PDB file of all heavy atoms in Angstrom:
ATOM      1  N   ASP A   1     -20.773  -1.528 -11.495  1.00  0.00           N
ATOM      2  CA  ASP A   1     -21.436  -1.069 -10.270  1.00  0.00           C
ATOM      3  C   ASP A   1     -20.550  -0.066  -9.535  1.00  0.00           C
ATOM      4  O   ASP A   1     -19.462   0.272 -10.004  1.00  0.00           O
ATOM      5  CB  ASP A   1     -21.756  -2.264  -9.365  1.00  0.00           C
ATOM      6  CG  ASP A   1     -22.863  -3.140  -9.943  1.00  0.00           C
ATOM      7  OD1 ASP A   1     -23.704  -2.618 -10.696  1.00  0.00           O
ATOM      8  OD2 ASP A   1     -22.875  -4.354  -9.639  1.00  0.00           O
ATOM      9  N   ASN A   2     -21.022   0.370  -8.368  1.00  0.00           N
ATOM     10  CA  ASN A   2     -20.292   1.346  -7.554  1.00  0.00           C
ATOM     11  C   ASN A   2     -18.867   0.902  -7.252  1.00  0.00           C
ATOM     12  O   ASN A   2     -18.654  -0.159  -6.669  1.00  0.00           O
ATOM     13  CB  ASN A   2     -20.991   1.528  -6.197  1.00  0.00           C
ATOM     14  CG  ASN A   2     -22.025   2.605  -6.227  1.00  0.00           C
ATOM     15  OD1 ASN A   2     -22.717   2.731  -7.219  1.00  0.00           O
ATOM     16  ND2 ASN A   2     -22.141   3.370  -5.161  1.00  0.00           N
ATOM     17  N   ARG A   3     -17.925   1.691  -7.645  1.00  0.00           N
ATOM     18  CA  ARG A   3     -16.522   1.480  -7.288  1.00  0.00           C
ATOM     19  C   ARG A   3     -15.757   2.704  -7.777  1.00  0.00           C
ATOM     20  O   ARG A   3     -16.232   3.444  -8.633  1.00  0.00           O
ATOM     21  CB  ARG A   3     -15.962   0.192  -7.894  1.00  0.00           C
ATOM     22  CG  ARG A   3     -16.098   0.075  -9.399  1.00  0.00           C
ATOM     23  CD  ARG A   3     -15.752  -1.320  -9.900  1.00  0.00           C
ATOM     24  NE  ARG A   3     -14.351  -1.646  -9.623  1.00  0.00           N
ATOM     25  CZ  ARG A   3     -13.909  -2.890  -9.491  1.00  0.00           C
ATOM     26  NH1 ARG A   3     -14.742  -3.910  -9.590  1.00  0.00           N
ATOM     27  NH2 ARG A   3     -12.620  -3.130  -9.259  1.00  0.00           N
ATOM     28  N   TYR A   4     -14.569   2.899  -7.247  1.00  0.00           N
ATOM     29  CA  TYR A   4     -13.774   4.068  -7.635  1.00  0.00           C
ATOM     30  C   TYR A   4     -13.525   4.101  -9.134  1.00  0.00           C
ATOM     31  O   TYR A   4     -13.581   5.159  -9.775  1.00  0.00           O
ATOM     32  CB  TYR A   4     -12.450   4.073  -6.867  1.00  0.00           C
ATOM     33  CG  TYR A   4     -11.447   5.032  -7.455  1.00  0.00           C
ATOM     34  CD1 TYR A   4     -11.682   6.404  -7.436  1.00  0.00           C
ATOM     35  CD2 TYR A   4     -10.286   4.558  -8.071  1.00  0.00           C
ATOM     36  CE1 TYR A   4     -10.774   7.284  -8.008  1.00  0.00           C
ATOM     37  CE2 TYR A   4      -9.376   5.430  -8.635  1.00  0.00           C
ATOM     38  CZ  TYR A   4      -9.631   6.799  -8.603  1.00  0.00           C
ATOM     39  OH  TYR A   4      -8.742   7.667  -9.188  1.00  0.00           O
ATOM     40  N   GLU A   5     -13.265   2.926  -9.731  1.00  0.00           N
ATOM     41  CA  GLU A   5     -12.966   2.885 -11.170  1.00  0.00           C
ATOM     42  C   GLU A   5     -14.119   3.407 -12.019  1.00  0.00           C
ATOM     43  O   GLU A   5     -13.924   3.820 -13.151  1.00  0.00           O
ATOM     44  CB  GLU A   5     -12.628   1.441 -11.594  1.00  0.00           C
ATOM     45  CG  GLU A   5     -11.297   0.930 -11.063  1.00  0.00           C
ATOM     46  CD  GLU A   5     -11.405   0.298  -9.694  1.00  0.00           C
ATOM     47  OE1 GLU A   5     -12.486   0.436  -9.050  1.00  0.00           O
ATOM     48  OE2 GLU A   5     -10.428  -0.316  -9.251  1.00  0.00           O
ATOM     49  N   TRP A   6     -15.334   3.361 -11.436  1.00  0.00           N
ATOM     50  CA  TRP A   6     -16.489   3.888 -12.181  1.00  0.00           C
ATOM     51  C   TRP A   6     -16.263   5.369 -12.500  1.00  0.00           C
ATOM     52  O   TRP A   6     -16.372   5.792 -13.650  1.00  0.00           O
ATOM     53  CB  TRP A   6     -17.791   3.717 -11.371  1.00  0.00           C
ATOM     54  CG  TRP A   6     -19.011   3.901 -12.241  1.00  0.00           C
ATOM     55  CD1 TRP A   6     -19.767   2.925 -12.784  1.00  0.00           C
ATOM     56  CD2 TRP A   6     -19.555   5.143 -12.713  1.00  0.00           C
ATOM     57  NE1 TRP A   6     -20.770   3.464 -13.567  1.00  0.00           N
ATOM     58  CE2 TRP A   6     -20.657   4.831 -13.543  1.00  0.00           C
ATOM     59  CE3 TRP A   6     -19.241   6.486 -12.534  1.00  0.00           C
ATOM     60  CZ2 TRP A   6     -21.434   5.801 -14.184  1.00  0.00           C
ATOM     61  CZ3 TRP A   6     -20.001   7.465 -13.177  1.00  0.00           C
ATOM     62  CH2 TRP A   6     -21.085   7.115 -13.978  1.00  0.00           C
ATOM     63  N   MET A   7     -15.961   6.141 -11.468  1.00  0.00           N
ATOM     64  CA  MET A   7     -15.804   7.582 -11.675  1.00  0.00           C
ATOM     65  C   MET A   7     -14.562   7.897 -12.504  1.00  0.00           C
ATOM     66  O   MET A   7     -14.589   8.799 -13.350  1.00  0.00           O
ATOM     67  CB  MET A   7     -15.752   8.314 -10.331  1.00  0.00           C
ATOM     68  CG  MET A   7     -15.711   9.838 -10.452  1.00  0.00           C
ATOM     69  SD  MET A   7     -17.041  10.549 -11.474  1.00  0.00           S
ATOM     70  CE  MET A   7     -18.443  10.374 -10.380  1.00  0.00           C
ATOM     71  N   ALA A   8     -13.463   7.166 -12.285  1.00  0.00           N
ATOM     72  CA  ALA A   8     -12.253   7.398 -13.087  1.00  0.00           C
ATOM     73  C   ALA A   8     -12.539   7.139 -14.566  1.00  0.00           C
ATOM     74  O   ALA A   8     -12.129   7.913 -15.438  1.00  0.00           O
ATOM     75  CB  ALA A   8     -11.121   6.496 -12.594  1.00  0.00           C
ATOM     76  N   THR A   9     -13.271   6.069 -14.857  1.00  0.00           N
ATOM     77  CA  THR A   9     -13.620   5.744 -16.244  1.00  0.00           C
ATOM     78  C   THR A   9     -14.564   6.781 -16.834  1.00  0.00           C
ATOM     79  O   THR A   9     -14.387   7.235 -17.972  1.00  0.00           O
ATOM     80  CB  THR A   9     -14.275   4.347 -16.314  1.00  0.00           C
ATOM     81  OG1 THR A   9     -13.370   3.378 -15.784  1.00  0.00           O
ATOM     82  CG2 THR A   9     -14.643   3.973 -17.742  1.00  0.00           C
ATOM     83  N   ASP A  10     -15.562   7.160 -16.047  1.00  0.00           N
ATOM     84  CA  ASP A  10     -16.538   8.156 -16.505  1.00  0.00           C
ATOM     85  C   ASP A  10     -15.844   9.466 -16.871  1.00  0.00           C
ATOM     86  O   ASP A  10     -16.109  10.062 -17.925  1.00  0.00           O
ATOM     87  CB  ASP A  10     -17.575   8.386 -15.396  1.00  0.00           C
ATOM     88  CG  ASP A  10     -18.618   9.417 -15.779  1.00  0.00           C
ATOM     89  OD1 ASP A  10     -19.351   9.187 -16.766  1.00  0.00           O
ATOM     90  OD2 ASP A  10     -18.708  10.458 -15.098  1.00  0.00           O
ATOM     91  N   GLN A  11     -14.937   9.920 -16.012  1.00  0.00           N
ATOM     92  CA  GLN A  11     -14.232  11.183 -16.274  1.00  0.00           C
ATOM     93  C   GLN A  11     -13.288  11.057 -17.469  1.00  0.00           C
ATOM     94  O   GLN A  11     -13.087  12.017 -18.220  1.00  0.00           O
ATOM     95  CB  GLN A  11     -13.463  11.630 -15.027  1.00  0.00           C
ATOM     96  CG  GLN A  11     -14.351  12.034 -13.854  1.00  0.00           C
ATOM     97  CD  GLN A  11     -15.205  13.248 -14.155  1.00  0.00           C
ATOM     98  OE1 GLN A  11     -14.807  14.179 -14.857  1.00  0.00           O
ATOM     99  NE2 GLN A  11     -16.426  13.255 -13.633  1.00  0.00           N
ATOM    100  N   ALA A  12     -12.713   9.870 -17.663  1.00  0.00           N
ATOM    101  CA  ALA A  12     -11.840   9.659 -18.824  1.00  0.00           C
ATOM    102  C   ALA A  12     -12.648   9.747 -20.117  1.00  0.00           C
ATOM    103  O   ALA A  12     -12.204  10.344 -21.108  1.00  0.00           O
ATOM    104  CB  ALA A  12     -11.150   8.299 -18.725  1.00  0.00           C
ATOM    105  N   LEU A  13     -13.851   9.173 -20.112  1.00  0.00           N
ATOM    106  CA  LEU A  13     -14.719   9.249 -21.297  1.00  0.00           C
ATOM    107  C   LEU A  13     -15.141  10.688 -21.566  1.00  0.00           C
ATOM    108  O   LEU A  13     -15.164  11.141 -22.715  1.00  0.00           O
ATOM    109  CB  LEU A  13     -15.954   8.353 -21.105  1.00  0.00           C
ATOM    110  CG  LEU A  13     -15.694   6.840 -21.036  1.00  0.00           C
ATOM    111  CD1 LEU A  13     -16.997   6.093 -20.735  1.00  0.00           C
ATOM    112  CD2 LEU A  13     -15.084   6.328 -22.335  1.00  0.00           C
ATOM    113  N   ILE A  14     -15.461  11.424 -20.492  1.00  0.00           N
ATOM    114  CA  ILE A  14     -15.841  12.831 -20.646  1.00  0.00           C
ATOM    115  C   ILE A  14     -14.674  13.639 -21.219  1.00  0.00           C
ATOM    116  O   ILE A  14     -14.856  14.484 -22.096  1.00  0.00           O
ATOM    117  CB  ILE A  14     -16.305  13.417 -19.284  1.00  0.00           C
ATOM    118  CG1 ILE A  14     -17.660  12.814 -18.893  1.00  0.00           C
ATOM    119  CG2 ILE A  14     -16.408  14.944 -19.346  1.00  0.00           C
ATOM    120  CD1 ILE A  14     -18.124  13.166 -17.496  1.00  0.00           C
ATOM    121  N   ALA A  15     -13.460  13.371 -20.720  1.00  0.00           N
ATOM    122  CA  ALA A  15     -12.266  14.079 -21.205  1.00  0.00           C
ATOM    123  C   ALA A  15     -12.056  13.860 -22.703  1.00  0.00           C
ATOM    124  O   ALA A  15     -11.617  14.761 -23.427  1.00  0.00           O
ATOM    125  CB  ALA A  15     -11.031  13.627 -20.432  1.00  0.00           C
ATOM    126  N   LEU A  16     -12.382  12.669 -23.179  1.00  0.00           N
ATOM    127  CA  LEU A  16     -12.217  12.345 -24.607  1.00  0.00           C
ATOM    128  C   LEU A  16     -13.384  12.855 -25.459  1.00  0.00           C
ATOM    129  O   LEU A  16     -13.296  12.854 -26.685  1.00  0.00           O
ATOM    130  CB  LEU A  16     -12.101  10.823 -24.775  1.00  0.00           C
ATOM    131  CG  LEU A  16     -10.825  10.168 -24.235  1.00  0.00           C
ATOM    132  CD1 LEU A  16     -10.979   8.653 -24.210  1.00  0.00           C
ATOM    133  CD2 LEU A  16      -9.620  10.576 -25.069  1.00  0.00           C
ATOM    134  N   GLY A  17     -14.478  13.252 -24.794  1.00  0.00           N
ATOM    135  CA  GLY A  17     -15.665  13.650 -25.546  1.00  0.00           C
ATOM    136  C   GLY A  17     -16.475  12.461 -26.022  1.00  0.00           C
ATOM    137  O   GLY A  17     -17.357  12.584 -26.882  1.00  0.00           O
ATOM    138  N   ALA A  18     -16.177  11.273 -25.460  1.00  0.00           N
ATOM    139  CA  ALA A  18     -16.939  10.074 -25.805  1.00  0.00           C
ATOM    140  C   ALA A  18     -18.275  10.103 -25.071  1.00  0.00           C
ATOM    141  O   ALA A  18     -18.460  10.842 -24.103  1.00  0.00           O
ATOM    142  CB  ALA A  18     -16.151   8.823 -25.420  1.00  0.00           C
ATOM    143  N   ILE A  19     -19.221   9.292 -25.530  1.00  0.00           N
ATOM    144  CA  ILE A  19     -20.556   9.248 -24.938  1.00  0.00           C
ATOM    145  C   ILE A  19     -20.694   7.952 -24.140  1.00  0.00           C
ATOM    146  O   ILE A  19     -20.740   6.861 -24.711  1.00  0.00           O
ATOM    147  CB  ILE A  19     -21.646   9.316 -26.032  1.00  0.00           C
ATOM    148  CG1 ILE A  19     -21.477  10.590 -26.867  1.00  0.00           C
ATOM    149  CG2 ILE A  19     -23.039   9.260 -25.409  1.00  0.00           C
ATOM    150  CD1 ILE A  19     -22.256  10.560 -28.177  1.00  0.00           C
ATOM    151  N   GLY A  20     -20.736   8.070 -22.815  1.00  0.00           N
ATOM    152  CA  GLY A  20     -20.871   6.900 -21.956  1.00  0.00           C
ATOM    153  C   GLY A  20     -22.317   6.423 -21.902  1.00  0.00           C
ATOM    154  O   GLY A  20     -23.241   7.234 -21.774  1.00  0.00           O
ATOM    155  N   ILE A  21     -22.488   5.101 -22.002  1.00  0.00           N
ATOM    156  CA  ILE A  21     -23.833   4.507 -21.920  1.00  0.00           C
ATOM    157  C   ILE A  21     -23.811   3.564 -20.716  1.00  0.00           C
ATOM    158  O   ILE A  21     -23.486   2.384 -20.851  1.00  0.00           O
ATOM    159  CB  ILE A  21     -24.187   3.742 -23.218  1.00  0.00           C
ATOM    160  CG1 ILE A  21     -23.941   4.636 -24.442  1.00  0.00           C
ATOM    161  CG2 ILE A  21     -25.632   3.257 -23.190  1.00  0.00           C
ATOM    162  CD1 ILE A  21     -23.967   3.890 -25.763  1.00  0.00           C
ATOM    163  N   PRO A  22     -24.109   4.063 -19.515  1.00  0.00           N
ATOM    164  CA  PRO A  22     -23.877   3.277 -18.302  1.00  0.00           C
ATOM    165  C   PRO A  22     -25.043   2.367 -17.925  1.00  0.00           C
ATOM    166  O   PRO A  22     -26.211   2.653 -18.211  1.00  0.00           O
ATOM    167  CB  PRO A  22     -23.686   4.364 -17.249  1.00  0.00           C
ATOM    168  CG  PRO A  22     -24.583   5.472 -17.720  1.00  0.00           C
ATOM    169  CD  PRO A  22     -24.577   5.424 -19.213  1.00  0.00           C
ATOM    170  N   ARG A  23     -24.705   1.295 -17.235  1.00  0.00           N
ATOM    171  CA  ARG A  23     -25.706   0.347 -16.744  1.00  0.00           C
ATOM    172  C   ARG A  23     -25.074  -0.472 -15.632  1.00  0.00           C
ATOM    173  O   ARG A  23     -23.849  -0.587 -15.545  1.00  0.00           O
ATOM    174  CB  ARG A  23     -26.131  -0.567 -17.888  1.00  0.00           C
ATOM    175  CG  ARG A  23     -27.509  -1.180 -17.722  1.00  0.00           C
ATOM    176  CD  ARG A  23     -28.587  -0.154 -17.940  1.00  0.00           C
ATOM    177  NE  ARG A  23     -29.901  -0.785 -17.878  1.00  0.00           N
ATOM    178  CZ  ARG A  23     -31.007  -0.103 -17.765  1.00  0.00           C
ATOM    179  NH1 ARG A  23     -30.968   1.202 -17.718  1.00  0.00           N
ATOM    180  NH2 ARG A  23     -32.178  -0.710 -17.707  1.00  0.00           N
ATOM    181  N   GLY A  24     -25.884  -1.094 -14.773  1.00  0.00           N
ATOM    182  CA  GLY A  24     -25.377  -1.902 -13.676  1.00  0.00           C
ATOM    183  C   GLY A  24     -25.052  -3.328 -14.105  1.00  0.00           C
ATOM    184  O   GLY A  24     -25.517  -3.808 -15.146  1.00  0.00           O
ATOM    185  N   CYS A  25     -24.256  -4.021 -13.276  1.00  0.00           N
ATOM    186  CA  CYS A  25     -23.839  -5.393 -13.591  1.00  0.00           C
ATOM    187  C   CYS A  25     -25.000  -6.386 -13.621  1.00  0.00           C
ATOM    188  O   CYS A  25     -24.876  -7.461 -14.195  1.00  0.00           O
ATOM    189  CB  CYS A  25     -22.809  -5.879 -12.571  1.00  0.00           C
ATOM    190  SG  CYS A  25     -21.206  -5.085 -12.766  1.00  0.00           S
ATOM    191  N   ASP A  26     -26.125  -6.032 -12.987  1.00  0.00           N
ATOM    192  CA  ASP A  26     -27.256  -6.958 -12.955  1.00  0.00           C
ATOM    193  C   ASP A  26     -28.146  -6.845 -14.191  1.00  0.00           C
ATOM    194  O   ASP A  26     -29.212  -7.460 -14.261  1.00  0.00           O
ATOM    195  CB  ASP A  26     -28.092  -6.731 -11.692  1.00  0.00           C
ATOM    196  CG  ASP A  26     -28.602  -5.301 -11.579  1.00  0.00           C
ATOM    197  OD1 ASP A  26     -28.310  -4.494 -12.476  1.00  0.00           O
ATOM    198  OD2 ASP A  26     -29.284  -4.993 -10.586  1.00  0.00           O
ATOM    199  N   THR A  27     -27.722  -6.067 -15.178  1.00  0.00           N
ATOM    200  CA  THR A  27     -28.508  -5.919 -16.404  1.00  0.00           C
ATOM    201  C   THR A  27     -28.678  -7.272 -17.096  1.00  0.00           C
ATOM    202  O   THR A  27     -27.693  -7.955 -17.378  1.00  0.00           O
ATOM    203  CB  THR A  27     -27.820  -4.928 -17.380  1.00  0.00           C
ATOM    204  OG1 THR A  27     -27.647  -3.673 -16.716  1.00  0.00           O
ATOM    205  CG2 THR A  27     -28.647  -4.728 -18.640  1.00  0.00           C
ATOM    206  N   PRO A  28     -29.924  -7.685 -17.359  1.00  0.00           N
ATOM    207  CA  PRO A  28     -30.136  -8.964 -18.065  1.00  0.00           C
ATOM    208  C   PRO A  28     -29.548  -8.915 -19.474  1.00  0.00           C
ATOM    209  O   PRO A  28     -29.483  -7.850 -20.099  1.00  0.00           O
ATOM    210  CB  PRO A  28     -31.673  -9.081 -18.120  1.00  0.00           C
ATOM    211  CG  PRO A  28     -32.190  -8.133 -17.089  1.00  0.00           C
ATOM    212  CD  PRO A  28     -31.184  -7.026 -16.999  1.00  0.00           C
ATOM    213  N   THR A  29     -29.121 -10.056 -19.984  1.00  0.00           N
ATOM    214  CA  THR A  29     -28.499 -10.143 -21.311  1.00  0.00           C
ATOM    215  C   THR A  29     -29.408  -9.573 -22.392  1.00  0.00           C
ATOM    216  O   THR A  29     -28.957  -8.840 -23.280  1.00  0.00           O
ATOM    217  CB  THR A  29     -28.144 -11.605 -21.641  1.00  0.00           C
ATOM    218  OG1 THR A  29     -27.221 -12.070 -20.654  1.00  0.00           O
ATOM    219  CG2 THR A  29     -27.503 -11.724 -23.018  1.00  0.00           C
ATOM    220  N   GLN A  30     -30.690  -9.890 -22.315  1.00  0.00           N
ATOM    221  CA  GLN A  30     -31.642  -9.418 -23.331  1.00  0.00           C
ATOM    222  C   GLN A  30     -31.717  -7.891 -23.360  1.00  0.00           C
ATOM    223  O   GLN A  30     -31.756  -7.275 -24.424  1.00  0.00           O
ATOM    224  CB  GLN A  30     -33.028 -10.004 -23.034  1.00  0.00           C
ATOM    225  CG  GLN A  30     -34.047  -9.753 -24.138  1.00  0.00           C
ATOM    226  CD  GLN A  30     -35.385 -10.419 -23.822  1.00  0.00           C
ATOM    227  OE1 GLN A  30     -35.553 -11.077 -22.803  1.00  0.00           O
ATOM    228  NE2 GLN A  30     -36.351 -10.231 -24.707  1.00  0.00           N
ATOM    229  N   GLU A  31     -31.692  -7.281 -22.163  1.00  0.00           N
ATOM    230  CA  GLU A  31     -31.754  -5.817 -22.074  1.00  0.00           C
ATOM    231  C   GLU A  31     -30.455  -5.193 -22.576  1.00  0.00           C
ATOM    232  O   GLU A  31     -30.468  -4.177 -23.281  1.00  0.00           O
ATOM    233  CB  GLU A  31     -32.023  -5.404 -20.625  1.00  0.00           C
ATOM    234  CG  GLU A  31     -32.562  -3.985 -20.495  1.00  0.00           C
ATOM    235  CD  GLU A  31     -33.120  -3.716 -19.108  1.00  0.00           C
ATOM    236  OE1 GLU A  31     -34.288  -4.028 -18.858  1.00  0.00           O
ATOM    237  OE2 GLU A  31     -32.353  -3.200 -18.266  1.00  0.00           O
ATOM    238  N   LEU A  32     -29.334  -5.803 -22.221  1.00  0.00           N
ATOM    239  CA  LEU A  32     -28.032  -5.314 -22.688  1.00  0.00           C
ATOM    240  C   LEU A  32     -27.963  -5.384 -24.212  1.00  0.00           C
ATOM    241  O   LEU A  32     -27.476  -4.454 -24.867  1.00  0.00           O
ATOM    242  CB  LEU A  32     -26.903  -6.138 -22.063  1.00  0.00           C
ATOM    243  CG  LEU A  32     -25.484  -5.792 -22.518  1.00  0.00           C
ATOM    244  CD1 LEU A  32     -25.132  -4.349 -22.195  1.00  0.00           C
ATOM    245  CD2 LEU A  32     -24.468  -6.746 -21.879  1.00  0.00           C
ATOM    246  N   GLU A  33     -28.445  -6.469 -24.764  1.00  0.00           N
ATOM    247  CA  GLU A  33     -28.452  -6.640 -26.218  1.00  0.00           C
ATOM    248  C   GLU A  33     -29.275  -5.540 -26.881  1.00  0.00           C
ATOM    249  O   GLU A  33     -28.867  -4.963 -27.891  1.00  0.00           O
ATOM    250  CB  GLU A  33     -29.033  -8.018 -26.567  1.00  0.00           C
ATOM    251  CG  GLU A  33     -29.009  -8.330 -28.051  1.00  0.00           C
ATOM    252  CD  GLU A  33     -29.539  -9.728 -28.349  1.00  0.00           C
ATOM    253  OE1 GLU A  33     -30.215 -10.321 -27.481  1.00  0.00           O
ATOM    254  OE2 GLU A  33     -29.284 -10.230 -29.466  1.00  0.00           O
ATOM    255  N   TYR A  34     -30.436  -5.237 -26.289  1.00  0.00           N
ATOM    256  CA  TYR A  34     -31.298  -4.176 -26.837  1.00  0.00           C
ATOM    257  C   TYR A  34     -30.577  -2.825 -26.811  1.00  0.00           C
ATOM    258  O   TYR A  34     -30.581  -2.086 -27.800  1.00  0.00           O
ATOM    259  CB  TYR A  34     -32.605  -4.086 -26.039  1.00  0.00           C
ATOM    260  CG  TYR A  34     -33.434  -2.877 -26.420  1.00  0.00           C
ATOM    261  CD1 TYR A  34     -34.229  -2.884 -27.567  1.00  0.00           C
ATOM    262  CD2 TYR A  34     -33.373  -1.700 -25.660  1.00  0.00           C
ATOM    263  CE1 TYR A  34     -34.964  -1.759 -27.933  1.00  0.00           C
ATOM    264  CE2 TYR A  34     -34.101  -0.586 -26.020  1.00  0.00           C
ATOM    265  CZ  TYR A  34     -34.892  -0.611 -27.157  1.00  0.00           C
ATOM    266  OH  TYR A  34     -35.599   0.511 -27.522  1.00  0.00           O
TER     267      TYR A  34
END
């Protein structure tokens, strides 16, 4: 969820050329699994 580490992590993934697949902490287990 919203926090400073979100943006730091996002920018680190972008710097590496990795593909971020973001979602909120309230994501149900079934949806996360999908």
